[in-house]
Amino acid sequence: MIRRHFQHRQTITTIHADCEEHIEAARGGILDARKAVEGVCATDPFFASTFDPYDPGSDHPVIRRMVAAADEAGVGPMAAVAGTIAWSGVEAMVDAGADCGIVDNGGDIALISDRDLRIGIYAGESNRNSAFLMPPQKKITGICTSSATVGPSISLGSADAVTVFSGNVAAADAWATALCNTLTPDDLSPLPLLVETGVIGVIAVFGDDILRWGAVPPLVSARIDPNLITKGM
């Protein structure tokens, strides 16, 4: 599988595909989605800054996905931006004929796959040797992570990592933010709220403890190579 780094302004991604044609398709999908987000942010800066659900009134599909996911999770629409952009990249790969394609947008992953995949959990100094074994996914799936201790994203919580699995990638991203803001090792009360959503499962990392809810792939031992973590060049 080909692995390519692609960065455009704040969007920093790793794209995995079986051929260069699908890599180029992902880049196009990512840029189209960014263009839509940038257009709304330019005319309505509140869209880019609010931590609360907000609808700027745009009918663009990318913006509608962000707005709907944020409204369900109770967060600002930009909490869903990375997953939504990754989703657009993989959709473009599928349109180009891909059976296997992955866009990792800074830890927010959209994928479709015809094979098993091993995806590492990066939570800083916590649980550096864990990964989950993802079975083949015939439909696009979101695997999105938020952290209060790793990376530049704003979080109001304490988890080293909260990973959310969903068939709706925007929702996976928004819920990862919402749950990372609220979950603690002693208070998992927000998790039952997910029953009425499209969230499939959740993994939450607090130090050496890994908490699971719903249907999550099996965890396996793995050596996490820091060079494979998506980051700016």
C-alpha atoms as a PDB file:
ATOM      1  CA  MET A   1       0.000   0.000   0.000  1.00  0.00           C
ATOM      2  CA  ILE A   2       1.240   3.486  -0.897  1.00  0.00           C
ATOM      3  CA  ARG A   3       1.616   5.986   1.942  1.00  0.00           C
ATOM      4  CA  ARG A   4       1.710   9.722   1.191  1.00  0.00           C
ATOM      5  CA  HIS A   5       1.893  12.811   3.382  1.00  0.00           C
ATOM      6  CA  PHE A   6      -0.358  15.650   2.215  1.00  0.00           C
ATOM      7  CA  GLN A   7      -0.531  19.013   3.927  1.00  0.00           C
ATOM      8  CA  HIS A   8      -2.561  22.095   3.012  1.00  0.00           C
ATOM      9  CA  ARG A   9      -2.522  24.909   5.557  1.00  0.00           C
ATOM     10  CA  GLN A  10      -3.859  23.535   8.858  1.00  0.00           C
ATOM     11  CA  THR A  11      -4.932  20.225   7.287  1.00  0.00           C
ATOM     12  CA  ILE A  12      -2.153  17.667   7.819  1.00  0.00           C
ATOM     13  CA  THR A  13      -2.938  14.194   6.518  1.00  0.00           C
ATOM     14  CA  THR A  14      -1.525  10.803   5.713  1.00  0.00           C
ATOM     15  CA  ILE A  15      -3.184   9.068   2.768  1.00  0.00           C
ATOM     16  CA  HIS A  16      -2.960   5.309   2.180  1.00  0.00           C
ATOM     17  CA  ALA A  17      -4.017   3.785  -1.138  1.00  0.00           C
ATOM     18  CA  ASP A  18      -3.189   1.028  -3.594  1.00  0.00           C
ATOM     19  CA  CYS A  19      -2.319   3.381  -6.467  1.00  0.00           C
ATOM     20  CA  GLU A  20      -1.339   6.981  -7.153  1.00  0.00           C
ATOM     21  CA  GLU A  21      -4.653   7.676  -8.887  1.00  0.00           C
ATOM     22  CA  HIS A  22      -6.460   7.117  -5.607  1.00  0.00           C
ATOM     23  CA  ILE A  23      -3.948   9.289  -3.742  1.00  0.00           C
ATOM     24  CA  GLU A  24      -4.680  12.146  -6.152  1.00  0.00           C
ATOM     25  CA  ALA A  25      -8.410  11.598  -5.780  1.00  0.00           C
ATOM     26  CA  ALA A  26      -8.104  11.903  -1.992  1.00  0.00           C
ATOM     27  CA  ARG A  27      -6.144  15.138  -2.323  1.00  0.00           C
ATOM     28  CA  GLY A  28      -8.856  16.567  -4.535  1.00  0.00           C
ATOM     29  CA  GLY A  29     -11.610  15.585  -2.108  1.00  0.00           C
ATOM     30  CA  ILE A  30      -9.705  17.071   0.815  1.00  0.00           C
ATOM     31  CA  LEU A  31      -9.134  20.372  -0.996  1.00  0.00           C
ATOM     32  CA  ASP A  32     -12.778  20.619  -2.085  1.00  0.00           C
ATOM     33  CA  ALA A  33     -13.938  20.113   1.511  1.00  0.00           C
ATOM     34  CA  ARG A  34     -11.465  22.667   2.839  1.00  0.00           C
ATOM     35  CA  LYS A  35     -12.638  25.178   0.260  1.00  0.00           C
ATOM     36  CA  ALA A  36     -16.208  24.815   1.519  1.00  0.00           C
ATOM     37  CA  VAL A  37     -15.162  25.280   5.160  1.00  0.00           C
ATOM     38  CA  GLU A  38     -12.912  28.234   4.377  1.00  0.00           C
ATOM     39  CA  GLY A  39     -15.708  29.913   2.444  1.00  0.00           C
ATOM     40  CA  VAL A  40     -18.080  29.790   5.412  1.00  0.00           C
ATOM     41  CA  CYS A  41     -15.392  30.846   7.889  1.00  0.00           C
ATOM     42  CA  ALA A  42     -14.567  33.876   5.733  1.00  0.00           C
ATOM     43  CA  THR A  43     -18.144  35.150   5.751  1.00  0.00           C
ATOM     44  CA  ASP A  44     -19.154  33.965   9.226  1.00  0.00           C
ATOM     45  CA  PRO A  45     -16.170  33.873  11.644  1.00  0.00           C
ATOM     46  CA  PHE A  46     -18.432  32.734  14.505  1.00  0.00           C
ATOM     47  CA  PHE A  47     -18.708  29.373  12.733  1.00  0.00           C
ATOM     48  CA  ALA A  48     -14.977  28.876  13.257  1.00  0.00           C
ATOM     49  CA  SER A  49     -14.837  29.916  16.909  1.00  0.00           C
ATOM     50  CA  THR A  50     -17.961  28.777  18.731  1.00  0.00           C
ATOM     51  CA  PHE A  51     -17.865  25.785  21.082  1.00  0.00           C
ATOM     52  CA  ASP A  52     -21.636  25.392  20.846  1.00  0.00           C
ATOM     53  CA  PRO A  53     -23.836  23.959  18.075  1.00  0.00           C
ATOM     54  CA  TYR A  54     -24.351  26.552  15.359  1.00  0.00           C
ATOM     55  CA  ASP A  55     -25.845  26.616  11.864  1.00  0.00           C
ATOM     56  CA  PRO A  56     -24.425  29.230   9.463  1.00  0.00           C
ATOM     57  CA  GLY A  57     -27.165  28.488   6.932  1.00  0.00           C
ATOM     58  CA  SER A  58     -24.940  26.996   4.230  1.00  0.00           C
ATOM     59  CA  ASP A  59     -26.450  24.183   2.163  1.00  0.00           C
ATOM     60  CA  HIS A  60     -23.061  22.716   1.182  1.00  0.00           C
ATOM     61  CA  PRO A  61     -22.961  18.968   2.060  1.00  0.00           C
ATOM     62  CA  VAL A  62     -19.677  19.325   3.944  1.00  0.00           C
ATOM     63  CA  ILE A  63     -21.093  22.086   6.154  1.00  0.00           C
ATOM     64  CA  ARG A  64     -24.370  20.229   6.674  1.00  0.00           C
ATOM     65  CA  ARG A  65     -22.434  17.188   7.919  1.00  0.00           C
ATOM     66  CA  MET A  66     -20.461  19.298  10.376  1.00  0.00           C
ATOM     67  CA  VAL A  67     -23.546  21.131  11.625  1.00  0.00           C
ATOM     68  CA  ALA A  68     -25.589  17.946  12.124  1.00  0.00           C
ATOM     69  CA  ALA A  69     -22.776  16.121  13.932  1.00  0.00           C
ATOM     70  CA  ALA A  70     -22.048  19.073  16.210  1.00  0.00           C
ATOM     71  CA  ASP A  71     -25.711  19.517  17.045  1.00  0.00           C
ATOM     72  CA  GLU A  72     -26.053  15.857  18.065  1.00  0.00           C
ATOM     73  CA  ALA A  73     -22.886  15.871  20.204  1.00  0.00           C
ATOM     74  CA  GLY A  74     -23.439  19.329  21.692  1.00  0.00           C
ATOM     75  CA  VAL A  75     -20.192  20.884  20.462  1.00  0.00           C
ATOM     76  CA  GLY A  76     -19.138  23.534  17.970  1.00  0.00           C
ATOM     77  CA  PRO A  77     -19.156  22.582  14.278  1.00  0.00           C
ATOM     78  CA  MET A  78     -15.380  22.862  13.948  1.00  0.00           C
ATOM     79  CA  ALA A  79     -15.117  19.897  16.331  1.00  0.00           C
ATOM     80  CA  ALA A  80     -16.176  17.813  13.317  1.00  0.00           C
ATOM     81  CA  VAL A  81     -14.015  19.497  10.683  1.00  0.00           C
ATOM     82  CA  ALA A  82     -11.072  17.071  10.543  1.00  0.00           C
ATOM     83  CA  GLY A  83     -13.227  13.963  10.312  1.00  0.00           C
ATOM     84  CA  THR A  84     -15.500  15.568   7.726  1.00  0.00           C
ATOM     85  CA  ILE A  85     -12.550  16.537   5.533  1.00  0.00           C
ATOM     86  CA  ALA A  86     -11.104  13.015   5.828  1.00  0.00           C
ATOM     87  CA  TRP A  87     -14.525  11.631   4.883  1.00  0.00           C
ATOM     88  CA  SER A  88     -14.575  13.737   1.708  1.00  0.00           C
ATOM     89  CA  GLY A  89     -11.119  12.453   0.807  1.00  0.00           C
ATOM     90  CA  VAL A  90     -12.136   8.802   1.090  1.00  0.00           C
ATOM     91  CA  GLU A  91     -15.394   9.416  -0.776  1.00  0.00           C
ATOM     92  CA  ALA A  92     -13.327  10.778  -3.661  1.00  0.00           C
ATOM     93  CA  MET A  93     -11.166   7.650  -3.536  1.00  0.00           C
ATOM     94  CA  VAL A  94     -14.251   5.435  -3.720  1.00  0.00           C
ATOM     95  CA  ASP A  95     -15.529   7.454  -6.683  1.00  0.00           C
ATOM     96  CA  ALA A  96     -12.174   6.766  -8.358  1.00  0.00           C
ATOM     97  CA  GLY A  97     -12.661   3.020  -7.852  1.00  0.00           C
ATOM     98  CA  ALA A  98     -10.789   2.374  -4.601  1.00  0.00           C
ATOM     99  CA  ASP A  99     -11.611  -0.735  -2.558  1.00  0.00           C
ATOM    100  CA  CYS A 100      -9.113   0.300   0.099  1.00  0.00           C
ATOM    101  CA  GLY A 101      -8.396   3.883   1.064  1.00  0.00           C
ATOM    102  CA  ILE A 102      -7.461   5.672   4.267  1.00  0.00           C
ATOM    103  CA  VAL A 103      -7.211   9.351   5.116  1.00  0.00           C
ATOM    104  CA  ASP A 104      -5.717  10.095   8.531  1.00  0.00           C
ATOM    105  CA  ASN A 105      -6.336  13.776   9.249  1.00  0.00           C
ATOM    106  CA  GLY A 106      -4.283  14.301  12.390  1.00  0.00           C
ATOM    107  CA  GLY A 107      -5.750  11.295  14.192  1.00  0.00           C
ATOM    108  CA  ASP A 108      -9.234  11.577  12.711  1.00  0.00           C
ATOM    109  CA  ILE A 109      -9.467   8.708  10.253  1.00  0.00           C
ATOM    110  CA  ALA A 110     -11.887   7.848   7.472  1.00  0.00           C
ATOM    111  CA  LEU A 111     -11.391   4.526   5.738  1.00  0.00           C
ATOM    112  CA  ILE A 112     -12.792   1.854   3.499  1.00  0.00           C
ATOM    113  CA  SER A 113     -10.930  -1.422   3.332  1.00  0.00           C
ATOM    114  CA  ASP A 114     -10.946  -4.884   1.808  1.00  0.00           C
ATOM    115  CA  ARG A 115      -8.392  -6.201   4.314  1.00  0.00           C
ATOM    116  CA  ASP A 116      -7.541  -6.285   8.009  1.00  0.00           C
ATOM    117  CA  LEU A 117      -5.819  -3.156   9.258  1.00  0.00           C
ATOM    118  CA  ARG A 118      -3.803  -2.616  12.421  1.00  0.00           C
ATOM    119  CA  ILE A 119      -4.230   0.935  13.697  1.00  0.00           C
ATOM    120  CA  GLY A 120      -2.148   2.144  16.615  1.00  0.00           C
ATOM    121  CA  ILE A 121      -3.479   4.094  19.563  1.00  0.00           C
ATOM    122  CA  TYR A 122      -1.345   7.172  20.231  1.00  0.00           C
ATOM    123  CA  ALA A 123      -1.948   8.664  23.669  1.00  0.00           C
ATOM    124  CA  GLY A 124       1.374  10.302  24.417  1.00  0.00           C
ATOM    125  CA  GLU A 125       3.222   8.424  27.138  1.00  0.00           C
ATOM    126  CA  SER A 126       0.161   6.293  27.929  1.00  0.00           C
ATOM    127  CA  ASN A 127      -0.341   2.816  26.415  1.00  0.00           C
ATOM    128  CA  ARG A 128       2.357   3.170  23.803  1.00  0.00           C
ATOM    129  CA  ASN A 129       2.107  -0.484  22.737  1.00  0.00           C
ATOM    130  CA  SER A 130      -1.570  -0.933  21.869  1.00  0.00           C
ATOM    131  CA  ALA A 131      -3.371  -1.067  18.542  1.00  0.00           C
ATOM    132  CA  PHE A 132      -6.735  -2.293  17.368  1.00  0.00           C
ATOM    133  CA  LEU A 133      -7.234  -4.814  14.608  1.00  0.00           C
ATOM    134  CA  MET A 134      -9.822  -3.384  12.229  1.00  0.00           C
ATOM    135  CA  PRO A 135     -11.606  -5.966  10.065  1.00  0.00           C
ATOM    136  CA  PRO A 136     -12.517  -5.155   6.441  1.00  0.00           C
ATOM    137  CA  GLN A 137     -14.977  -2.264   6.073  1.00  0.00           C
ATOM    138  CA  LYS A 138     -17.156  -2.322   2.950  1.00  0.00           C
ATOM    139  CA  LYS A 139     -18.605   1.084   3.814  1.00  0.00           C
ATOM    140  CA  ILE A 140     -16.738   4.212   4.831  1.00  0.00           C
ATOM    141  CA  THR A 141     -16.085   4.183   8.565  1.00  0.00           C
ATOM    142  CA  GLY A 142     -14.866   6.886  10.922  1.00  0.00           C
ATOM    143  CA  ILE A 143     -12.262   6.311  13.634  1.00  0.00           C
ATOM    144  CA  CYS A 144     -11.711   9.657  15.318  1.00  0.00           C
ATOM    145  CA  THR A 145      -9.658  10.537  18.370  1.00  0.00           C
ATOM    146  CA  SER A 146      -9.538  13.497  20.732  1.00  0.00           C
ATOM    147  CA  SER A 147      -7.019  14.053  23.513  1.00  0.00           C
ATOM    148  CA  ALA A 148      -6.708  16.413  26.456  1.00  0.00           C
ATOM    149  CA  THR A 149      -2.980  15.760  26.778  1.00  0.00           C
ATOM    150  CA  VAL A 150      -1.653  15.251  23.231  1.00  0.00           C
ATOM    151  CA  GLY A 151      -1.731  17.602  20.253  1.00  0.00           C
ATOM    152  CA  PRO A 152      -2.943  21.178  19.666  1.00  0.00           C
ATOM    153  CA  SER A 153      -6.717  20.631  19.808  1.00  0.00           C
ATOM    154  CA  ILE A 154      -8.654  22.349  22.588  1.00  0.00           C
ATOM    155  CA  SER A 155     -10.099  19.923  25.139  1.00  0.00           C
ATOM    156  CA  LEU A 156     -11.879  20.567  28.424  1.00  0.00           C
ATOM    157  CA  GLY A 157     -11.273  17.075  29.782  1.00  0.00           C
ATOM    158  CA  SER A 158      -8.521  14.828  31.147  1.00  0.00           C
ATOM    159  CA  ALA A 159      -8.396  11.749  28.886  1.00  0.00           C
ATOM    160  CA  ASP A 160      -5.152  10.872  27.143  1.00  0.00           C
ATOM    161  CA  ALA A 161      -7.242   9.674  24.208  1.00  0.00           C
ATOM    162  CA  VAL A 162     -10.882   9.020  23.373  1.00  0.00           C
ATOM    163  CA  THR A 163     -11.461   7.143  20.121  1.00  0.00           C
ATOM    164  CA  VAL A 164     -14.938   6.899  18.608  1.00  0.00           C
ATOM    165  CA  PHE A 165     -16.052   4.464  15.885  1.00  0.00           C
ATOM    166  CA  SER A 166     -18.990   5.350  13.623  1.00  0.00           C
ATOM    167  CA  GLY A 167     -20.246   4.967  10.087  1.00  0.00           C
ATOM    168  CA  ASN A 168     -20.713   8.747  10.158  1.00  0.00           C
ATOM    169  CA  VAL A 169     -17.186  10.185  10.203  1.00  0.00           C
ATOM    170  CA  ALA A 170     -18.299  13.692  11.131  1.00  0.00           C
ATOM    171  CA  ALA A 171     -20.231  12.283  14.089  1.00  0.00           C
ATOM    172  CA  ALA A 172     -17.223  10.213  15.186  1.00  0.00           C
ATOM    173  CA  ASP A 173     -15.132  13.388  15.274  1.00  0.00           C
ATOM    174  CA  ALA A 174     -17.724  15.490  17.101  1.00  0.00           C
ATOM    175  CA  TRP A 175     -18.432  12.782  19.675  1.00  0.00           C
ATOM    176  CA  ALA A 176     -14.712  12.202  20.256  1.00  0.00           C
ATOM    177  CA  THR A 177     -14.433  15.858  21.267  1.00  0.00           C
ATOM    178  CA  ALA A 178     -17.594  15.800  23.379  1.00  0.00           C
ATOM    179  CA  LEU A 179     -16.628  12.629  25.234  1.00  0.00           C
ATOM    180  CA  CYS A 180     -13.038  13.724  25.774  1.00  0.00           C
ATOM    181  CA  ASN A 181     -14.454  16.889  27.381  1.00  0.00           C
ATOM    182  CA  THR A 182     -16.608  14.965  29.848  1.00  0.00           C
ATOM    183  CA  LEU A 183     -15.413  11.404  30.500  1.00  0.00           C
ATOM    184  CA  THR A 184     -13.359  10.553  33.560  1.00  0.00           C
ATOM    185  CA  PRO A 185     -12.273   7.119  34.846  1.00  0.00           C
ATOM    186  CA  ASP A 186     -14.893   7.456  37.575  1.00  0.00           C
ATOM    187  CA  ASP A 187     -17.696   8.924  35.485  1.00  0.00           C
ATOM    188  CA  LEU A 188     -18.710   7.157  32.301  1.00  0.00           C
ATOM    189  CA  SER A 189     -22.303   8.399  32.491  1.00  0.00           C
ATOM    190  CA  PRO A 190     -22.181  10.120  29.065  1.00  0.00           C
ATOM    191  CA  LEU A 191     -21.707   6.773  27.283  1.00  0.00           C
ATOM    192  CA  PRO A 192     -25.313   5.514  27.527  1.00  0.00           C
ATOM    193  CA  LEU A 193     -26.363   8.653  25.618  1.00  0.00           C
ATOM    194  CA  LEU A 194     -24.700   7.164  22.537  1.00  0.00           C
ATOM    195  CA  VAL A 195     -27.300   4.413  22.182  1.00  0.00           C
ATOM    196  CA  GLU A 196     -29.534   6.685  20.091  1.00  0.00           C
ATOM    197  CA  THR A 197     -26.662   7.876  17.869  1.00  0.00           C
ATOM    198  CA  GLY A 198     -24.697   6.227  15.078  1.00  0.00           C
ATOM    199  CA  VAL A 199     -21.701   5.656  17.342  1.00  0.00           C
ATOM    200  CA  ILE A 200     -20.627   2.000  17.261  1.00  0.00           C
ATOM    201  CA  GLY A 201     -18.031   1.965  20.027  1.00  0.00           C
ATOM    202  CA  VAL A 202     -15.655   4.000  22.173  1.00  0.00           C
ATOM    203  CA  ILE A 203     -12.170   3.448  23.579  1.00  0.00           C
ATOM    204  CA  ALA A 204     -10.987   5.843  26.311  1.00  0.00           C
ATOM    205  CA  VAL A 205      -7.404   5.919  27.591  1.00  0.00           C
ATOM    206  CA  PHE A 206      -6.548   7.301  31.024  1.00  0.00           C
ATOM    207  CA  GLY A 207      -2.914   6.583  31.809  1.00  0.00           C
ATOM    208  CA  ASP A 208      -2.491   2.815  31.778  1.00  0.00           C
ATOM    209  CA  ASP A 209      -6.221   2.155  31.857  1.00  0.00           C
ATOM    210  CA  ILE A 210      -8.184   1.473  28.659  1.00  0.00           C
ATOM    211  CA  LEU A 211     -11.976   1.648  28.957  1.00  0.00           C
ATOM    212  CA  ARG A 212     -14.260   0.254  26.241  1.00  0.00           C
ATOM    213  CA  TRP A 213     -17.904   0.732  25.359  1.00  0.00           C
ATOM    214  CA  GLY A 214     -19.960  -0.791  22.563  1.00  0.00           C
ATOM    215  CA  ALA A 215     -18.578  -2.786  19.652  1.00  0.00           C
ATOM    216  CA  VAL A 216     -14.872  -2.041  19.324  1.00  0.00           C
ATOM    217  CA  PRO A 217     -12.243  -4.019  17.388  1.00  0.00           C
ATOM    218  CA  PRO A 218      -9.964  -6.307  19.399  1.00  0.00           C
ATOM    219  CA  LEU A 219      -6.900  -4.682  20.944  1.00  0.00           C
ATOM    220  CA  VAL A 220      -3.534  -6.210  20.108  1.00  0.00           C
ATOM    221  CA  SER A 221       0.042  -5.547  21.102  1.00  0.00           C
ATOM    222  CA  ALA A 222       1.958  -3.338  18.704  1.00  0.00           C
ATOM    223  CA  ARG A 223       5.088  -1.241  18.561  1.00  0.00           C
ATOM    224  CA  ILE A 224       3.991   2.284  17.741  1.00  0.00           C
ATOM    225  CA  ASP A 225       6.500   3.918  15.409  1.00  0.00           C
ATOM    226  CA  PRO A 226       6.469   7.693  16.139  1.00  0.00           C
ATOM    227  CA  ASN A 227       7.549   8.323  12.544  1.00  0.00           C
ATOM    228  CA  LEU A 228       4.189   7.026  11.325  1.00  0.00           C
ATOM    229  CA  ILE A 229       2.167   9.529  13.379  1.00  0.00           C
ATOM    230  CA  THR A 230       0.528  12.147  11.153  1.00  0.00           C
ATOM    231  CA  LYS A 231       2.117  15.529  11.856  1.00  0.00           C
ATOM    232  CA  GLY A 232       3.431  18.608  10.101  1.00  0.00           C
ATOM    233  CA  MET A 233       6.647  18.369   8.114  1.00  0.00           C
END
